[in-house]
């Protein structure tokens, strides 16, 4: 079996540039900031998604008769009330915590806790 013609042609793609030819040039100081962004730390979670989908499916199967889907509707209401209580508890706990918890890894900290942790180790930027 003969190989196709393109396998025999010389390779003319771009070769990687050697590191010695292009020395590293520092554009910005290579130090971490004293704080992290808190905008992206908030997650949007869908509360009671399973219960809501079960309720909508029940309504669809029963031609939107809510009397036949009372148990699913009550399950959605109970789940939502539990979710609101959980969110309130988290909000209260966040207000109480004024310092970082030493047992938590940095991966598990939210951005506010991470900023509190970083505030204990401030550093000045390098000047050019």
N, C-alpha and C. Protein backbone atom coordinates (compact mmCIF):
# COMPACT_ATOMS: atom_id res chain seq x y z
N UNK A 1 0.84 -1.18 0.00
CA UNK A 1 0.00 0.00 0.00
C UNK A 1 0.89 1.24 0.00
N UNK A 2 0.68 2.11 -0.93
CA UNK A 2 1.49 3.31 -1.08
C UNK A 2 0.96 4.41 -0.16
N UNK A 3 1.88 5.16 0.41
CA UNK A 3 1.51 6.28 1.27
C UNK A 3 1.07 7.46 0.41
N UNK A 4 0.20 8.32 0.94
CA UNK A 4 -0.20 9.49 0.17
C UNK A 4 0.98 10.44 -0.04
N UNK A 5 0.85 11.29 -1.04
CA UNK A 5 1.94 12.17 -1.45
C UNK A 5 2.30 13.19 -0.36
N UNK A 6 1.29 13.64 0.42
CA UNK A 6 1.56 14.68 1.40
C UNK A 6 2.44 14.20 2.55
N UNK A 7 2.55 12.88 2.76
CA UNK A 7 3.42 12.38 3.82
C UNK A 7 4.88 12.44 3.43
N UNK A 8 5.18 12.49 2.12
CA UNK A 8 6.56 12.51 1.66
C UNK A 8 7.10 13.92 1.51
N UNK A 9 6.21 14.93 1.47
CA UNK A 9 6.66 16.31 1.28
C UNK A 9 7.35 16.82 2.54
N UNK A 10 8.31 17.73 2.39
CA UNK A 10 8.96 18.29 3.59
C UNK A 10 7.98 19.17 4.37
N UNK A 11 8.16 19.17 5.67
CA UNK A 11 7.28 19.96 6.53
C UNK A 11 7.75 21.40 6.55
N UNK A 12 6.86 22.31 6.23
CA UNK A 12 7.23 23.72 6.15
C UNK A 12 6.43 24.57 7.16
N UNK A 13 5.95 23.96 8.22
CA UNK A 13 5.20 24.70 9.22
C UNK A 13 6.11 25.60 10.05
N UNK A 14 5.53 26.42 10.85
CA UNK A 14 6.29 27.35 11.68
C UNK A 14 6.94 26.58 12.83
N UNK A 15 8.20 26.77 13.00
CA UNK A 15 8.96 26.13 14.07
C UNK A 15 8.91 26.98 15.33
N UNK A 16 8.98 26.37 16.51
CA UNK A 16 9.00 27.19 17.74
C UNK A 16 10.28 28.00 17.83
N UNK A 17 10.16 29.19 18.38
CA UNK A 17 11.30 30.09 18.49
C UNK A 17 12.11 29.70 19.73
N UNK A 18 13.42 29.70 19.63
CA UNK A 18 14.23 29.36 20.82
C UNK A 18 14.11 30.46 21.88
N UNK A 19 14.18 30.05 23.14
CA UNK A 19 14.03 31.00 24.24
C UNK A 19 15.19 31.98 24.33
N UNK A 20 16.37 31.57 23.90
CA UNK A 20 17.53 32.45 23.96
C UNK A 20 17.40 33.61 22.98
N UNK A 21 16.67 33.38 21.91
CA UNK A 21 16.52 34.41 20.91
C UNK A 21 15.57 35.52 21.38
N UNK A 22 14.58 35.16 22.21
CA UNK A 22 13.61 36.13 22.70
C UNK A 22 13.67 36.16 24.22
N UNK A 23 14.44 37.05 24.81
CA UNK A 23 14.53 37.12 26.27
C UNK A 23 13.22 37.62 26.87
N UNK A 24 12.98 37.22 28.12
CA UNK A 24 11.76 37.63 28.83
C UNK A 24 11.85 39.10 29.18
N UNK A 25 10.78 39.82 28.89
CA UNK A 25 10.73 41.24 29.22
C UNK A 25 9.51 41.46 30.11
N UNK A 26 9.74 41.93 31.31
CA UNK A 26 8.66 42.09 32.28
C UNK A 26 7.89 43.38 31.98
N UNK A 27 6.64 43.23 31.60
CA UNK A 27 5.79 44.39 31.30
C UNK A 27 5.12 44.93 32.57
N UNK A 28 4.64 44.02 33.40
CA UNK A 28 3.99 44.37 34.66
C UNK A 28 4.74 43.70 35.79
N UNK A 29 4.70 44.26 36.99
CA UNK A 29 5.39 43.60 38.11
C UNK A 29 4.77 42.23 38.39
N UNK A 30 5.64 41.26 38.61
CA UNK A 30 5.16 39.90 38.83
C UNK A 30 4.95 39.63 40.31
N UNK A 31 4.05 40.37 40.90
CA UNK A 31 3.66 40.17 42.29
C UNK A 31 2.14 40.07 42.34
N UNK A 32 1.65 39.34 43.31
CA UNK A 32 0.21 39.21 43.46
C UNK A 32 -0.37 40.47 44.07
N UNK A 33 -1.62 40.69 43.80
CA UNK A 33 -2.31 41.84 44.37
C UNK A 33 -2.65 41.54 45.83
N UNK A 34 -2.98 42.56 46.58
CA UNK A 34 -3.33 42.37 47.99
C UNK A 34 -4.77 41.95 48.17
N UNK A 35 -5.53 41.84 47.09
CA UNK A 35 -6.94 41.47 47.19
C UNK A 35 -7.35 40.71 45.93
N UNK A 36 -8.42 39.95 46.05
CA UNK A 36 -8.98 39.26 44.90
C UNK A 36 -10.33 39.88 44.57
N UNK A 37 -10.79 39.65 43.36
CA UNK A 37 -12.06 40.22 42.93
C UNK A 37 -13.21 39.48 43.59
N UNK A 38 -14.17 40.22 44.10
CA UNK A 38 -15.31 39.58 44.75
C UNK A 38 -16.51 39.48 43.82
N UNK A 39 -16.39 39.97 42.60
CA UNK A 39 -17.53 39.94 41.69
C UNK A 39 -17.84 38.53 41.21
N UNK A 40 -16.79 37.74 40.91
CA UNK A 40 -17.03 36.43 40.35
C UNK A 40 -17.21 35.35 41.41
N UNK A 41 -17.11 35.69 42.67
CA UNK A 41 -17.19 34.69 43.71
C UNK A 41 -18.61 34.24 44.02
N UNK A 42 -19.59 35.00 43.58
CA UNK A 42 -20.97 34.65 43.89
C UNK A 42 -21.49 33.67 42.86
N UNK A 43 -22.03 32.57 43.36
CA UNK A 43 -22.58 31.57 42.45
C UNK A 43 -24.10 31.70 42.42
N UNK A 44 -24.64 31.49 41.26
CA UNK A 44 -26.09 31.52 41.13
C UNK A 44 -26.58 30.07 41.11
N UNK A 45 -27.27 29.70 42.15
CA UNK A 45 -27.76 28.34 42.23
C UNK A 45 -29.27 28.33 42.02
N UNK A 46 -29.74 27.30 41.38
CA UNK A 46 -31.17 27.16 41.14
C UNK A 46 -31.77 26.43 42.34
N UNK A 47 -32.61 27.12 43.08
CA UNK A 47 -33.20 26.53 44.27
C UNK A 47 -34.37 25.64 43.89
N UNK A 48 -34.43 24.45 44.46
CA UNK A 48 -35.56 23.53 44.33
C UNK A 48 -35.86 23.17 42.87
N UNK A 49 -34.85 22.91 42.12
CA UNK A 49 -35.04 22.62 40.70
C UNK A 49 -35.78 21.30 40.48
N UNK A 50 -35.40 20.27 41.23
CA UNK A 50 -36.06 18.96 41.06
C UNK A 50 -37.54 19.05 41.41
N UNK A 51 -37.85 19.69 42.51
CA UNK A 51 -39.24 19.78 42.95
C UNK A 51 -40.07 20.60 41.96
N UNK A 52 -39.49 21.68 41.45
CA UNK A 52 -40.21 22.52 40.49
C UNK A 52 -40.47 21.76 39.20
N UNK A 53 -39.47 21.02 38.73
CA UNK A 53 -39.66 20.24 37.51
C UNK A 53 -40.70 19.14 37.71
N UNK A 54 -40.71 18.50 38.89
CA UNK A 54 -41.72 17.48 39.16
C UNK A 54 -43.11 18.10 39.17
N UNK A 55 -43.23 19.30 39.73
CA UNK A 55 -44.52 19.99 39.78
C UNK A 55 -44.99 20.36 38.37
N UNK A 56 -44.08 20.88 37.55
CA UNK A 56 -44.44 21.26 36.18
C UNK A 56 -44.82 20.03 35.36
N UNK A 57 -44.10 18.93 35.56
CA UNK A 57 -44.43 17.70 34.85
C UNK A 57 -45.80 17.18 35.26
N UNK A 58 -46.10 17.26 36.55
CA UNK A 58 -47.42 16.83 37.03
C UNK A 58 -48.52 17.69 36.42
N UNK A 59 -48.29 19.01 36.38
CA UNK A 59 -49.29 19.90 35.77
C UNK A 59 -49.48 19.59 34.29
N UNK A 60 -48.40 19.29 33.61
CA UNK A 60 -48.49 18.97 32.18
C UNK A 60 -49.28 17.67 31.97
N UNK A 61 -49.02 16.68 32.82
CA UNK A 61 -49.70 15.39 32.67
C UNK A 61 -51.19 15.49 33.01
N UNK A 62 -51.55 16.41 33.91
CA UNK A 62 -52.93 16.52 34.38
C UNK A 62 -53.65 17.74 33.82
N UNK A 63 -53.22 18.25 32.67
CA UNK A 63 -53.88 19.37 32.00
C UNK A 63 -54.02 20.60 32.92
N UNK A 64 -52.97 20.96 33.62
CA UNK A 64 -52.91 22.13 34.50
C UNK A 64 -53.97 22.14 35.60
N UNK A 65 -54.31 20.98 36.09
CA UNK A 65 -55.25 20.87 37.23
C UNK A 65 -54.41 20.84 38.51
N UNK A 66 -54.43 21.95 39.24
CA UNK A 66 -53.59 22.05 40.43
C UNK A 66 -54.09 21.18 41.58
N UNK A 67 -55.35 20.82 41.56
CA UNK A 67 -55.88 19.98 42.64
C UNK A 67 -55.23 18.60 42.63
N UNK A 68 -54.86 18.11 41.45
CA UNK A 68 -54.27 16.78 41.35
C UNK A 68 -52.76 16.80 41.67
N UNK A 69 -52.16 17.98 41.73
CA UNK A 69 -50.71 18.09 41.98
C UNK A 69 -50.42 18.82 43.28
N UNK A 70 -51.27 18.65 44.28
CA UNK A 70 -51.08 19.35 45.55
C UNK A 70 -49.80 18.93 46.26
N UNK A 71 -49.48 17.65 46.23
CA UNK A 71 -48.30 17.18 46.96
C UNK A 71 -47.02 17.78 46.37
N UNK A 72 -46.95 17.85 45.03
CA UNK A 72 -45.77 18.43 44.40
C UNK A 72 -45.67 19.93 44.67
N UNK A 73 -46.84 20.61 44.66
CA UNK A 73 -46.85 22.04 44.96
C UNK A 73 -46.40 22.33 46.38
N UNK A 74 -46.85 21.51 47.32
CA UNK A 74 -46.42 21.68 48.71
C UNK A 74 -44.93 21.37 48.87
N UNK A 75 -44.44 20.39 48.10
CA UNK A 75 -43.02 20.07 48.17
C UNK A 75 -42.18 21.25 47.68
N UNK A 76 -42.65 21.94 46.63
CA UNK A 76 -41.94 23.11 46.12
C UNK A 76 -41.95 24.21 47.18
N UNK A 77 -43.10 24.46 47.81
CA UNK A 77 -43.20 25.49 48.84
C UNK A 77 -42.28 25.19 50.03
N UNK A 78 -42.30 23.93 50.50
CA UNK A 78 -41.45 23.55 51.64
C UNK A 78 -39.97 23.70 51.29
N UNK A 79 -39.61 23.26 50.09
CA UNK A 79 -38.22 23.36 49.66
C UNK A 79 -37.79 24.82 49.59
N UNK A 80 -38.64 25.68 49.07
CA UNK A 80 -38.28 27.08 48.93
C UNK A 80 -38.14 27.76 50.30
N UNK A 81 -39.02 27.42 51.23
CA UNK A 81 -38.90 27.98 52.58
C UNK A 81 -37.61 27.50 53.25
N UNK A 82 -37.26 26.22 53.06
CA UNK A 82 -35.99 25.72 53.61
C UNK A 82 -34.80 26.42 52.96
N UNK A 83 -34.89 26.68 51.66
CA UNK A 83 -33.82 27.38 50.95
C UNK A 83 -33.65 28.80 51.48
N UNK A 84 -34.75 29.51 51.70
CA UNK A 84 -34.66 30.86 52.25
C UNK A 84 -34.06 30.86 53.65
N UNK A 85 -34.43 29.88 54.47
CA UNK A 85 -33.86 29.78 55.82
C UNK A 85 -32.37 29.49 55.74
N UNK A 86 -31.96 28.63 54.81
CA UNK A 86 -30.55 28.31 54.65
C UNK A 86 -29.75 29.53 54.21
N UNK A 87 -30.30 30.30 53.26
CA UNK A 87 -29.61 31.50 52.80
C UNK A 87 -29.48 32.54 53.93
N UNK A 88 -30.53 32.67 54.73
CA UNK A 88 -30.49 33.60 55.86
C UNK A 88 -29.44 33.17 56.88
N UNK A 89 -29.35 31.86 57.12
CA UNK A 89 -28.35 31.34 58.05
C UNK A 89 -26.94 31.62 57.52
N UNK A 90 -26.72 31.43 56.22
CA UNK A 90 -25.42 31.74 55.63
C UNK A 90 -25.09 33.22 55.75
N UNK A 91 -26.08 34.07 55.51
CA UNK A 91 -25.86 35.52 55.62
C UNK A 91 -25.49 35.91 57.04
N UNK A 92 -26.18 35.33 58.04
CA UNK A 92 -25.87 35.62 59.43
C UNK A 92 -24.49 35.11 59.82
N UNK A 93 -24.14 33.92 59.33
CA UNK A 93 -22.84 33.35 59.65
C UNK A 93 -21.73 34.20 59.04
N UNK A 94 -21.96 34.73 57.83
CA UNK A 94 -20.95 35.56 57.18
C UNK A 94 -20.76 36.87 57.94
N UNK A 95 -21.84 37.40 58.52
CA UNK A 95 -21.73 38.63 59.30
C UNK A 95 -20.94 38.39 60.58
N UNK A 96 -21.10 37.20 61.17
CA UNK A 96 -20.42 36.91 62.44
C UNK A 96 -18.94 36.68 62.25
N UNK A 97 -18.54 36.07 61.13
CA UNK A 97 -17.14 35.76 60.91
C UNK A 97 -16.41 37.04 60.54
N UNK A 98 -15.53 37.49 61.42
CA UNK A 98 -14.79 38.72 61.14
C UNK A 98 -13.36 38.43 60.72
N UNK A 99 -12.90 37.20 60.89
CA UNK A 99 -11.55 36.85 60.54
C UNK A 99 -11.56 35.53 59.78
N UNK A 100 -10.45 35.18 59.19
CA UNK A 100 -10.39 33.93 58.44
C UNK A 100 -10.32 32.75 59.40
N UNK A 101 -10.75 31.60 58.92
CA UNK A 101 -10.70 30.38 59.71
C UNK A 101 -9.44 29.64 59.33
N UNK A 102 -8.55 29.33 60.29
CA UNK A 102 -7.26 28.74 59.92
C UNK A 102 -7.37 27.33 59.33
N UNK A 103 -8.41 26.59 59.61
CA UNK A 103 -8.51 25.22 59.12
C UNK A 103 -8.96 25.10 57.67
N UNK A 104 -9.41 26.19 57.07
CA UNK A 104 -9.95 26.14 55.71
C UNK A 104 -8.84 26.36 54.70
N UNK A 105 -8.87 25.58 53.63
CA UNK A 105 -7.92 25.77 52.55
C UNK A 105 -8.30 27.02 51.75
N UNK A 106 -7.35 27.59 51.04
CA UNK A 106 -7.62 28.79 50.25
C UNK A 106 -8.59 28.49 49.12
N UNK A 107 -8.62 27.24 48.66
CA UNK A 107 -9.56 26.86 47.60
C UNK A 107 -11.00 26.92 48.08
N UNK A 108 -11.21 26.65 49.37
CA UNK A 108 -12.57 26.59 49.92
C UNK A 108 -13.06 27.93 50.45
N UNK A 109 -12.19 28.93 50.48
CA UNK A 109 -12.60 30.25 51.00
C UNK A 109 -13.37 31.01 49.93
N UNK A 110 -14.34 31.78 50.39
CA UNK A 110 -15.00 32.69 49.45
C UNK A 110 -14.11 33.94 49.31
N UNK A 111 -14.36 34.78 48.32
CA UNK A 111 -13.46 35.91 48.08
C UNK A 111 -13.33 36.88 49.25
N UNK A 112 -14.38 37.05 50.03
CA UNK A 112 -14.31 37.97 51.17
C UNK A 112 -13.35 37.40 52.22
N UNK A 113 -13.45 36.11 52.50
CA UNK A 113 -12.55 35.48 53.47
C UNK A 113 -11.11 35.51 52.96
N UNK A 114 -10.95 35.31 51.66
CA UNK A 114 -9.61 35.32 51.08
C UNK A 114 -8.99 36.72 51.18
N UNK A 115 -9.78 37.76 50.98
CA UNK A 115 -9.27 39.12 51.14
C UNK A 115 -8.86 39.39 52.58
N UNK A 116 -9.64 38.89 53.53
CA UNK A 116 -9.27 39.05 54.94
C UNK A 116 -7.96 38.34 55.23
N UNK A 117 -7.79 37.15 54.64
CA UNK A 117 -6.57 36.39 54.83
C UNK A 117 -5.37 37.13 54.22
N UNK A 118 -5.54 37.65 53.02
CA UNK A 118 -4.45 38.37 52.36
C UNK A 118 -4.11 39.68 53.05
N UNK A 119 -5.07 40.26 53.77
CA UNK A 119 -4.78 41.52 54.46
C UNK A 119 -3.79 41.32 55.60
N UNK A 120 -3.61 40.08 56.06
CA UNK A 120 -2.63 39.82 57.11
C UNK A 120 -1.21 39.79 56.57
N UNK A 121 -1.05 39.67 55.25
CA UNK A 121 0.27 39.57 54.64
C UNK A 121 0.41 40.61 53.53
N UNK A 122 0.38 41.90 53.85
CA UNK A 122 0.48 42.91 52.79
C UNK A 122 1.91 42.98 52.25
N UNK A 123 2.02 43.44 51.02
CA UNK A 123 3.33 43.65 50.41
C UNK A 123 3.25 44.86 49.47
N UNK A 124 4.39 45.48 49.28
CA UNK A 124 4.46 46.65 48.40
C UNK A 124 4.86 46.19 47.00
N UNK A 125 4.41 46.92 46.00
CA UNK A 125 4.76 46.58 44.62
C UNK A 125 6.20 46.98 44.32
N UNK A 126 6.80 46.22 43.39
CA UNK A 126 8.15 46.58 42.93
C UNK A 126 8.06 47.83 42.08
N UNK A 127 9.04 48.69 42.20
CA UNK A 127 9.06 49.89 41.36
C UNK A 127 10.10 49.69 40.29
N UNK A 128 9.78 50.17 39.10
CA UNK A 128 10.72 50.04 37.98
C UNK A 128 11.78 51.10 38.05
